[in-house]
Amino acid sequence: MKTNLKINQQLANKRAAVPLPDPQKLKPKLWERLAGAGVGFASGWGNAERGAQLGGDVTNRRYNTAMRDYTHQTGALDKQLEDERGGFPLAEAQAKLPQTAFENWMQVGKLGTEQQVAKANIQNKSDLNDVKQQMVHIAELRESDQKQAQNDRDKFTVGSDQKSLEAERKGRHTSIENY
């Protein structure tokens, strides 16, 4: 019984010693991204979904390979561990693989989404600054137009009220009499 516990502990330690691939260290290089885009475009000519899948596979091939290797290494250790424990390795492995695949897919998607969000935020800030500058310019133009309109009104309204017209008429009448 103690030997089984010792073997179980050794297998669990071996499993824990296998490092999980780091997606940050396995980011696709520029040439891999370009190759993935080219493959995706060429193969997606008739079927866009298939093109996107193949392009993504080419782009993320280093990470996908590392995850496949990790799954194979840990899978063999898990199988040995379950054999020693007398569990149900097939059922547990089948339940574990989709979860691992989903987590990997989510990490890849999250990385792409974070990059797109960062680019969009930069563009949005730039657009917002442009709009603010345009609004300031419009406000300045509106203010200068209002000042100009007020000046024009002041020029043309002087002497057009009733009292001014009456005084002007009297002045003309007086000048005619004095002539």
Foldseek 3Di string as FASTA:
>chain_A
DVVLVVVLVVLVVQLVPQDQDDCVVQQFDPVQLVVLLVQLCVVCVPPNVVSNVSSVCSRRVVNVVSNVVNCVVNLVSQVVSCVSVVHDSVVVNVVPVVVSVVVVVVVVVVVVVVVVVVVVVVVVVVVVVVVVVVVVVVVVVVVVVVVVVVVVCVVPVVQPDPVSVVVVVVVVVVVVVVD
